[in-house]
Amino acid sequence: MTAPFPPIRREPRAEDISLKPEDGRKAVELVRGALPLFRAGEPIAHPDHVDVPVFYLDFAIDMIHYDGKTKMPRPRGAPPHGSAAVNRREAREVVDRVLKEARVLDAAEFREPEDCWVVPIAWKSFIIFHVRVSREGEELIPDYGLTEEVRRYGTF
């Protein structure tokens, strides 16, 4: 006998109804204050591209797709395809410079399954990564999976 299908929630939770523009504004301001403290980690080579993790304290927040041919980040969701052979030190230095030029966009989305705000970070005309913030707008939420990956492989 097969297990029953998991249920689908059709009605929003009562607490979701209470989200207000001020809640998103608080998340944006928290990220704006933290952005100067973000730094690039050691690049992670994939078979066809390189990602550079972004750290806050000792936790990975997200990653930036790095294009070794153009020596600049790619937009979120569009990793470069081709060789992953890049100068790792150069990639990290480029991303550190990009982080100094990056800006917090003045909006946030709410992701109900994760119960958090997501604030986009832009460089020039590209959104290059996202920062997750608690529902209350008081805590940054690390990417725990990425944090473990960089710790496990010593790319921290």
Protein backbone atom coordinates (compact mmCIF):
# COMPACT_ATOMS: atom_id res chain seq x y z
CA MET A 1 0.00 0.00 0.00
CA THR A 2 1.35 3.40 -0.93
CA ALA A 3 1.48 6.27 1.50
CA PRO A 4 -1.14 9.00 1.09
CA PHE A 5 -0.11 12.19 -0.66
CA PRO A 6 0.96 14.99 1.66
CA PRO A 7 -1.68 17.68 2.19
CA ILE A 8 -1.65 21.00 0.34
CA ARG A 9 -2.31 24.09 2.42
CA ARG A 10 -5.03 26.04 0.68
CA GLU A 11 -5.60 28.85 3.18
CA PRO A 12 -2.90 31.24 4.39
CA ARG A 13 -1.97 31.05 8.02
CA ALA A 14 -3.53 33.79 10.15
CA GLU A 15 -0.12 35.27 10.92
CA ASP A 16 0.63 35.71 7.20
CA ILE A 17 -2.26 38.12 6.85
CA SER A 18 -0.55 40.49 9.29
CA LEU A 19 2.47 41.21 7.06
CA LYS A 20 2.82 44.94 6.52
CA PRO A 21 5.06 47.14 4.33
CA GLU A 22 6.85 48.23 7.53
CA ASP A 23 7.91 44.61 8.09
CA GLY A 24 9.60 44.45 4.70
CA ARG A 25 11.17 47.89 5.28
CA LYS A 26 12.69 46.65 8.55
CA ALA A 27 14.26 43.67 6.74
CA VAL A 28 15.67 45.96 4.02
CA GLU A 29 17.21 48.30 6.61
CA LEU A 30 18.78 45.40 8.51
CA VAL A 31 20.47 44.18 5.33
CA ARG A 32 21.53 47.72 4.40
CA GLY A 33 23.34 47.97 7.75
CA ALA A 34 25.00 44.56 7.34
CA LEU A 35 26.13 44.91 3.70
CA PRO A 36 29.43 46.69 4.52
CA LEU A 37 30.36 43.68 6.68
CA PHE A 38 29.91 41.10 3.91
CA ARG A 39 33.03 39.54 2.40
CA ALA A 40 33.91 37.05 -0.29
CA GLY A 41 34.88 33.50 0.62
CA GLU A 42 37.01 31.08 -1.33
CA PRO A 43 35.54 30.29 -4.76
CA ILE A 44 33.79 26.96 -5.23
CA ALA A 45 34.53 25.30 -8.57
CA HIS A 46 31.71 23.36 -10.21
CA PRO A 47 32.26 21.31 -13.38
CA ASP A 48 31.29 24.24 -15.63
CA HIS A 49 31.35 27.39 -13.49
CA VAL A 50 32.57 29.02 -10.30
CA ASP A 51 30.54 30.42 -7.39
CA VAL A 52 31.96 32.71 -4.73
CA PRO A 53 30.25 32.49 -1.33
CA VAL A 54 29.38 35.70 0.47
CA PHE A 55 30.05 35.64 4.21
CA TYR A 56 28.75 37.56 7.18
CA LEU A 57 30.80 36.73 10.26
CA ASP A 58 31.52 33.00 9.92
CA PHE A 59 28.35 32.11 8.01
CA ALA A 60 27.66 31.96 4.30
CA ILE A 61 24.72 34.14 3.29
CA ASP A 62 24.51 33.25 -0.40
CA MET A 63 26.81 32.90 -3.40
CA ILE A 64 27.68 35.00 -6.41
CA HIS A 65 28.12 33.46 -9.85
CA TYR A 66 31.53 34.49 -11.17
CA ASP A 67 32.46 34.66 -14.85
CA GLY A 68 36.19 34.08 -15.25
CA LYS A 69 36.15 35.25 -18.88
CA THR A 70 34.69 38.70 -18.17
CA LYS A 71 36.08 38.83 -14.62
CA MET A 72 32.79 39.99 -13.17
CA PRO A 73 29.69 38.53 -11.55
CA ARG A 74 26.79 37.16 -13.52
CA PRO A 75 23.15 37.86 -12.71
CA ARG A 76 21.56 35.58 -10.15
CA GLY A 77 20.14 32.51 -11.82
CA ALA A 78 22.53 32.70 -14.80
CA PRO A 79 25.82 31.01 -13.94
CA PRO A 80 28.37 31.10 -16.73
CA HIS A 81 28.82 27.85 -18.61
CA GLY A 82 32.15 26.66 -19.84
CA SER A 83 35.39 26.16 -17.99
CA ALA A 84 35.62 26.36 -14.23
CA ALA A 85 39.35 27.08 -14.53
CA VAL A 86 39.76 30.56 -13.04
CA ASN A 87 42.28 32.30 -10.88
CA ARG A 88 40.70 31.73 -7.45
CA ARG A 89 42.54 34.62 -5.78
CA GLU A 90 41.48 36.99 -8.55
CA ALA A 91 37.86 35.81 -8.33
CA ARG A 92 37.78 36.47 -4.60
CA GLU A 93 39.36 39.92 -5.03
CA VAL A 94 36.87 40.83 -7.77
CA VAL A 95 33.92 39.77 -5.63
CA ASP A 96 35.26 41.74 -2.65
CA ARG A 97 35.41 44.85 -4.90
CA VAL A 98 31.92 44.13 -6.23
CA LEU A 99 30.59 43.88 -2.66
CA LYS A 100 31.89 47.40 -1.99
CA GLU A 101 29.91 48.64 -5.01
CA ALA A 102 26.80 46.56 -4.33
CA ARG A 103 23.58 48.07 -3.06
CA VAL A 104 20.50 46.81 -1.28
CA LEU A 105 17.37 47.14 -3.40
CA ASP A 106 14.56 48.98 -1.70
CA ALA A 107 12.15 46.04 -1.55
CA ALA A 108 11.74 42.59 -0.06
CA GLU A 109 9.73 39.52 -0.90
CA PHE A 110 8.28 37.18 1.68
CA ARG A 111 8.77 33.44 1.31
CA GLU A 112 6.09 31.68 3.26
CA PRO A 113 7.61 28.17 3.23
CA GLU A 114 10.81 29.53 4.81
CA ASP A 115 8.93 32.10 6.93
CA CYS A 116 11.40 34.84 6.01
CA TRP A 117 11.98 38.00 4.01
CA VAL A 118 14.34 37.90 1.04
CA VAL A 119 16.18 41.09 0.18
CA PRO A 120 17.92 41.37 -3.22
CA ILE A 121 21.43 42.78 -3.56
CA ALA A 122 22.35 44.46 -6.84
CA TRP A 123 25.57 45.38 -8.58
CA LYS A 124 25.11 47.68 -11.56
CA SER A 125 21.97 46.33 -13.28
CA PHE A 126 22.32 42.75 -11.98
CA ILE A 127 20.75 41.17 -8.93
CA ILE A 128 23.76 39.14 -7.78
CA PHE A 129 22.55 37.51 -4.55
CA HIS A 130 19.82 37.53 -1.91
CA VAL A 131 19.84 37.88 1.86
CA ARG A 132 17.27 36.09 3.97
CA VAL A 133 15.95 37.86 7.08
CA SER A 134 13.72 36.60 9.88
CA ARG A 135 10.01 37.42 9.80
CA GLU A 136 10.56 39.98 12.55
CA GLY A 137 13.28 41.70 10.50
CA GLU A 138 15.78 41.31 13.31
CA GLU A 139 18.12 38.49 12.23
CA LEU A 140 20.00 37.50 9.10
CA ILE A 141 19.40 33.87 8.17
CA PRO A 142 22.53 32.14 6.87
CA ASP A 143 22.53 29.57 4.12
CA TYR A 144 23.33 26.68 6.46
CA GLY A 145 23.84 24.18 3.63
CA LEU A 146 26.37 26.42 1.91
CA THR A 147 28.06 27.17 5.24
CA GLU A 148 28.52 23.44 5.87
CA GLU A 149 29.79 22.90 2.33
CA VAL A 150 32.52 25.51 2.64
CA ARG A 151 33.50 24.26 6.08
CA ARG A 152 33.61 20.65 4.90
CA TYR A 153 35.80 21.37 1.89
CA GLY A 154 37.96 24.01 3.51
CA THR A 155 36.94 26.82 1.17
CA PHE A 156 36.20 29.04 4.15
